[in-house]
Amino acid sequence: MDIRSLQLFQHLAASLHFGKTAEAMFVSPSTLSRAIQRLEQECGTSLFVRDNRNVRLTAAGIKLLDFSSRTLQDWQEVKTEIQRQSQAVQGELSLFCSVTASYSHLPALLERFRHRYPQVEIKLTTGDPAMSVENVRAKKMDLAIAVESPEFADELSFQHLDTLPLVLICPSYLRLTQLQQIDWRQVAMVLPESGPSRRIVYHWLAERGIRPNVYASVAGNEAIVSMVALGCGVGIVPRPVVEQSVLANQITIISLPDIESFKLGICCLKERATEPLIQALMAQI
């Protein structure tokens, strides 16, 4: 049983004339007859009584007519809604995120979105996550994967995506496995130059009275991972940045259970949050 067969049956149930239905539905009389015969085989009974003078519905045919009417109406409503969404949700969206987020969190999200809205083109830009919020506020980007913070701008709308723990990373050759093993007077540290991790890291160090021996301040968590792997010192970054890095085997991870985690999500301007394209992407989270 398929939609076309039900459409043919529906018309025949109204016309009660094979010739008129065949002409109106652009099929041959033999094709119409075969379609009705298949329906009758699937139902296991006759749907029409035929003789040389007229055609009329059987009791089973009347019951199937009620089913086909509801089914075809539902099908038409679904088609109309799909077409409406398809026409409304099309165009281009620009999205900013870090390199790590582009392969740790973005693929699954975009796969769902593209499957549902194939007519929308995503313009992806990667870079320092410290620039995420500013790119959206300056209207350089429609959306950005960003980290929520106390300083998060009021004009931004934020939808939570994931919570990322921050960890201490060390060059593997130092064989450091516990926080207590670190002599902060001797070990150099690579610090974040800007962005949400800068506030969290400096706050964590201050709470413990640690005055780090700063080797360098750099932009981006990926840069911190690279410098730690090269033996420049230790650093604090989100765990997924290390796990997704090609340098992961050159780094030891030490958990920091008492440090604030990253609250990762997608942000946009509140004034644009109701736009169909943006709403469509946010709905996939």
Protein backbone atom coordinates (compact mmCIF):
# COMPACT_ATOMS: atom_id res chain seq x y z
CA MET A 1 0.00 0.00 0.00
CA ASP A 2 1.35 3.42 -0.93
CA ILE A 3 0.15 7.00 -1.21
CA ARG A 4 -0.51 6.78 -4.95
CA SER A 5 -2.67 3.69 -4.55
CA LEU A 6 -4.70 5.39 -1.83
CA GLN A 7 -5.14 8.46 -4.04
CA LEU A 8 -6.48 6.29 -6.87
CA PHE A 9 -8.79 4.45 -4.46
CA GLN A 10 -10.01 7.74 -2.97
CA HIS A 11 -10.93 9.15 -6.35
CA LEU A 12 -12.63 5.94 -7.48
CA ALA A 13 -14.63 5.80 -4.25
CA ALA A 14 -15.97 9.25 -5.10
CA SER A 15 -16.53 8.80 -8.86
CA LEU A 16 -17.56 5.11 -8.78
CA HIS A 17 -16.47 5.01 -12.41
CA PHE A 18 -13.19 3.40 -13.53
CA GLY A 19 -13.06 5.34 -16.79
CA LYS A 20 -13.58 8.75 -15.19
CA THR A 21 -11.02 8.06 -12.44
CA ALA A 22 -8.44 6.76 -14.91
CA GLU A 23 -8.81 9.90 -17.02
CA ALA A 24 -8.76 12.29 -14.06
CA MET A 25 -5.74 10.61 -12.43
CA PHE A 26 -3.78 10.28 -15.73
CA VAL A 27 -3.50 6.50 -15.66
CA SER A 28 -4.77 3.82 -17.99
CA PRO A 29 -7.88 1.82 -16.97
CA SER A 30 -5.73 -1.32 -16.70
CA THR A 31 -3.24 0.44 -14.39
CA LEU A 32 -6.13 1.62 -12.20
CA SER A 33 -7.61 -1.87 -12.09
CA ARG A 34 -4.26 -3.41 -11.07
CA ALA A 35 -3.81 -0.80 -8.30
CA ILE A 36 -7.26 -1.59 -6.88
CA GLN A 37 -6.61 -5.33 -7.15
CA ARG A 38 -3.36 -4.93 -5.18
CA LEU A 39 -5.21 -3.02 -2.46
CA GLU A 40 -7.85 -5.75 -2.32
CA GLN A 41 -5.14 -8.42 -2.05
CA GLU A 42 -3.48 -6.53 0.80
CA CYS A 43 -6.81 -6.06 2.58
CA GLY A 44 -7.81 -9.65 1.91
CA THR A 45 -11.27 -8.73 0.64
CA SER A 46 -13.14 -6.91 -2.11
CA LEU A 47 -13.38 -3.13 -1.85
CA PHE A 48 -15.82 -2.59 -4.72
CA VAL A 49 -18.76 -4.49 -6.14
CA ARG A 50 -18.57 -4.31 -9.94
CA ASP A 51 -21.14 -5.26 -12.51
CA ASN A 52 -21.88 -4.19 -16.05
CA ARG A 53 -23.93 -1.19 -14.93
CA ASN A 54 -22.34 0.30 -11.83
CA VAL A 55 -19.62 0.24 -9.20
CA ARG A 56 -20.20 0.60 -5.45
CA LEU A 57 -18.18 0.31 -2.26
CA THR A 58 -18.33 -2.76 -0.06
CA ALA A 59 -18.37 -2.50 3.75
CA ALA A 60 -14.60 -3.05 3.69
CA GLY A 61 -14.28 -0.34 1.05
CA ILE A 62 -16.17 2.13 3.26
CA LYS A 63 -13.84 1.32 6.15
CA LEU A 64 -10.74 1.76 3.97
CA LEU A 65 -12.15 5.04 2.65
CA ASP A 66 -12.16 6.47 6.18
CA PHE A 67 -8.54 5.32 6.66
CA SER A 68 -7.39 6.69 3.28
CA SER A 69 -9.07 10.07 3.89
CA ARG A 70 -7.24 10.53 7.20
CA THR A 71 -3.94 9.23 5.80
CA LEU A 72 -3.99 11.44 2.72
CA GLN A 73 -4.94 14.47 4.79
CA ASP A 74 -2.07 13.79 7.21
CA TRP A 75 0.31 13.31 4.27
CA GLN A 76 -0.74 16.62 2.72
CA GLU A 77 -0.22 18.44 6.02
CA VAL A 78 3.24 16.92 6.43
CA LYS A 79 4.22 17.88 2.87
CA THR A 80 2.97 21.42 3.38
CA GLU A 81 4.92 21.79 6.63
CA ILE A 82 8.11 20.36 5.11
CA GLN A 83 7.85 22.68 2.13
CA ARG A 84 7.17 25.65 4.40
CA GLN A 85 10.24 24.89 6.52
CA SER A 86 12.37 24.24 3.46
CA GLN A 87 11.44 27.59 1.98
CA ALA A 88 11.89 29.48 5.24
CA VAL A 89 15.18 27.90 6.29
CA GLN A 90 17.61 28.54 3.52
CA GLY A 91 20.54 30.86 3.04
CA GLU A 92 23.89 31.21 4.77
CA LEU A 93 25.10 31.13 8.38
CA SER A 94 28.56 32.12 9.56
CA LEU A 95 29.93 30.25 12.57
CA PHE A 96 33.13 30.85 14.55
CA CYS A 97 34.79 28.25 16.78
CA SER A 98 38.16 27.00 17.97
CA VAL A 99 40.09 24.40 15.98
CA THR A 100 39.41 21.81 18.69
CA ALA A 101 35.65 22.49 18.74
CA SER A 102 35.57 22.13 14.95
CA TYR A 103 36.25 18.39 15.32
CA SER A 104 35.19 17.65 18.91
CA HIS A 105 31.69 19.17 19.08
CA LEU A 106 30.78 20.61 15.69
CA PRO A 107 30.61 17.51 13.41
CA ALA A 108 27.65 15.84 15.13
CA LEU A 109 25.78 19.15 15.39
CA LEU A 110 26.29 20.05 11.73
CA GLU A 111 25.44 16.55 10.56
CA ARG A 112 22.01 16.81 12.18
CA PHE A 113 21.52 20.33 10.85
CA ARG A 114 22.58 19.60 7.27
CA HIS A 115 20.42 16.49 7.13
CA ARG A 116 17.36 18.56 8.03
CA TYR A 117 18.25 21.82 6.25
CA PRO A 118 20.36 20.95 3.20
CA GLN A 119 19.70 24.35 1.60
CA VAL A 120 21.58 26.24 4.33
CA GLU A 121 25.28 26.88 3.73
CA ILE A 122 27.53 27.03 6.80
CA LYS A 123 30.52 29.38 6.59
CA LEU A 124 32.95 28.11 9.23
CA THR A 125 35.84 30.15 10.61
CA THR A 126 38.26 28.80 13.22
CA GLY A 127 40.56 30.73 15.52
CA ASP A 128 41.35 31.80 19.06
CA PRO A 129 38.25 31.08 21.23
CA ALA A 130 38.93 34.38 23.03
CA MET A 131 37.61 36.07 19.87
CA SER A 132 34.33 34.12 19.74
CA VAL A 133 32.14 36.53 21.67
CA GLU A 134 33.66 39.65 20.12
CA ASN A 135 33.09 38.31 16.60
CA VAL A 136 29.38 37.88 17.34
CA ARG A 137 29.04 41.25 19.10
CA ALA A 138 30.76 43.00 16.20
CA LYS A 139 28.39 41.19 13.79
CA LYS A 140 31.31 39.60 11.98
CA MET A 141 29.75 36.19 12.70
CA ASP A 142 26.16 35.04 13.10
CA LEU A 143 27.03 32.47 15.75
CA ALA A 144 30.02 31.29 17.73
CA ILE A 145 30.94 28.38 19.96
CA ALA A 146 31.98 30.20 23.12
CA VAL A 147 32.52 29.75 26.85
CA GLU A 148 30.04 31.36 29.21
CA SER A 149 31.57 33.59 31.87
CA PRO A 150 30.49 36.17 34.48
CA GLU A 151 31.46 38.88 31.98
CA PHE A 152 29.20 37.44 29.29
CA ALA A 153 27.54 40.33 27.46
CA ASP A 154 23.85 41.00 28.18
CA GLU A 155 23.09 41.42 24.51
CA LEU A 156 24.06 37.79 23.81
CA SER A 157 21.88 34.70 23.91
CA PHE A 158 23.67 31.52 25.04
CA GLN A 159 22.64 27.89 24.68
CA HIS A 160 24.62 25.31 26.67
CA LEU A 161 26.37 22.60 24.66
CA ASP A 162 28.79 20.83 27.01
CA THR A 163 30.78 21.18 30.23
CA LEU A 164 34.54 20.79 29.84
CA PRO A 165 36.88 20.15 32.79
CA LEU A 166 40.20 22.01 32.86
CA VAL A 167 43.33 19.95 33.50
CA LEU A 168 46.98 20.61 34.19
CA ILE A 169 49.24 19.35 31.41
CA CYS A 170 52.96 18.57 31.71
CA PRO A 171 55.64 17.37 29.28
CA SER A 172 55.62 13.58 29.57
CA TYR A 173 59.40 13.41 30.10
CA LEU A 174 59.02 15.16 33.48
CA ARG A 175 57.04 12.13 34.72
CA LEU A 176 54.72 14.27 36.81
CA THR A 177 51.50 12.47 37.73
CA GLN A 178 50.26 14.35 40.81
CA LEU A 179 49.81 18.03 41.60
CA GLN A 180 51.85 17.65 44.79
CA GLN A 181 54.94 16.72 42.75
CA ILE A 182 55.18 20.15 41.12
CA ASP A 183 57.69 22.63 42.52
CA TRP A 184 56.18 25.90 41.31
CA ARG A 185 59.46 27.74 42.03
CA GLN A 186 61.27 25.58 39.48
CA VAL A 187 58.66 24.65 36.88
CA ALA A 188 57.84 27.22 34.20
CA MET A 189 54.26 27.82 33.14
CA VAL A 190 52.62 28.70 29.84
CA LEU A 191 49.63 30.93 30.54
CA PRO A 192 46.63 31.97 28.43
CA GLU A 193 47.02 35.46 27.05
CA SER A 194 43.30 36.18 26.90
CA GLY A 195 39.89 34.59 26.86
CA PRO A 196 37.80 32.82 29.52
CA SER A 197 40.60 30.47 30.59
CA ARG A 198 42.78 33.42 31.62
CA ARG A 199 40.34 34.44 34.37
CA ILE A 200 39.87 30.86 35.59
CA VAL A 201 43.58 29.99 35.58
CA TYR A 202 44.71 33.17 37.34
CA HIS A 203 41.95 32.76 39.92
CA TRP A 204 43.00 29.15 40.60
CA LEU A 205 46.64 30.15 41.01
CA ALA A 206 45.76 33.06 43.30
CA GLU A 207 43.59 30.88 45.54
CA ARG A 208 46.59 28.62 46.16
CA GLY A 209 49.09 31.42 46.58
CA ILE A 210 51.04 30.25 43.57
CA ARG A 211 53.26 32.81 41.85
CA PRO A 212 54.04 31.01 38.61
CA ASN A 213 57.35 31.20 36.82
CA VAL A 214 55.87 32.40 33.52
CA TYR A 215 57.58 31.12 30.41
CA ALA A 216 55.13 32.79 28.02
CA SER A 217 51.54 33.97 27.62
CA VAL A 218 50.01 32.75 24.37
CA ALA A 219 46.70 32.96 22.51
CA GLY A 220 44.66 29.80 22.18
CA ASN A 221 44.62 26.52 24.10
CA GLU A 222 46.11 24.64 21.16
CA ALA A 223 49.20 26.89 21.40
CA ILE A 224 49.55 26.06 25.10
CA VAL A 225 49.42 22.33 24.28
CA SER A 226 52.11 22.74 21.63
CA MET A 227 54.47 24.64 23.94
CA VAL A 228 53.98 22.17 26.79
CA ALA A 229 54.71 19.26 24.43
CA LEU A 230 57.92 21.06 23.41
CA GLY A 231 59.00 21.16 27.06
CA CYS A 232 58.49 24.89 27.65
CA GLY A 233 56.60 24.32 30.89
CA VAL A 234 53.21 23.26 32.23
CA GLY A 235 49.80 24.70 31.40
CA ILE A 236 46.08 24.49 32.10
CA VAL A 237 43.67 23.75 29.25
CA PRO A 238 40.29 22.06 28.65
CA ARG A 239 40.69 18.27 28.62
CA PRO A 240 39.26 17.78 25.08
CA VAL A 241 41.95 20.08 23.65
CA VAL A 242 44.60 17.62 24.85
CA GLU A 243 42.68 14.48 23.95
CA GLN A 244 42.06 15.70 20.39
CA SER A 245 45.64 16.89 19.87
CA VAL A 246 48.20 15.02 17.76
CA LEU A 247 50.65 15.81 20.58
CA ALA A 248 48.62 13.96 23.23
CA ASN A 249 51.23 11.18 23.57
CA GLN A 250 53.87 13.75 24.57
CA ILE A 251 51.80 15.13 27.43
CA THR A 252 50.77 13.97 30.90
CA ILE A 253 47.39 15.04 32.26
CA ILE A 254 46.81 15.86 35.94
CA SER A 255 43.18 16.32 36.99
CA LEU A 256 42.20 19.48 38.85
CA PRO A 257 38.89 18.70 40.58
CA ASP A 258 38.70 22.08 42.32
CA ILE A 259 39.02 24.30 39.27
CA GLU A 260 36.08 25.90 37.46
CA SER A 261 35.00 24.07 34.31
CA PHE A 262 34.26 25.56 30.90
CA LYS A 263 30.55 25.95 30.15
CA LEU A 264 30.65 25.56 26.38
CA GLY A 265 27.77 26.63 24.19
CA ILE A 266 26.63 28.50 21.11
CA CYS A 267 25.95 32.21 21.32
CA CYS A 268 24.28 34.80 19.10
CA LEU A 269 22.90 38.29 19.51
CA LYS A 270 19.59 38.26 21.41
CA GLU A 271 18.08 40.51 18.77
CA ARG A 272 18.69 37.78 16.18
CA ALA A 273 17.77 34.73 18.27
CA THR A 274 14.32 34.41 16.64
CA GLU A 275 15.62 34.40 13.06
CA PRO A 276 14.64 31.11 11.33
CA LEU A 277 18.20 30.15 10.37
CA ILE A 278 19.57 30.70 13.87
CA GLN A 279 16.60 29.04 15.54
CA ALA A 280 17.03 26.02 13.26
CA LEU A 281 20.67 25.55 14.26
CA MET A 282 20.04 26.11 17.96
CA ALA A 283 17.29 23.49 17.86
CA GLN A 284 19.85 20.81 16.93
CA ILE A 285 21.72 21.15 20.25
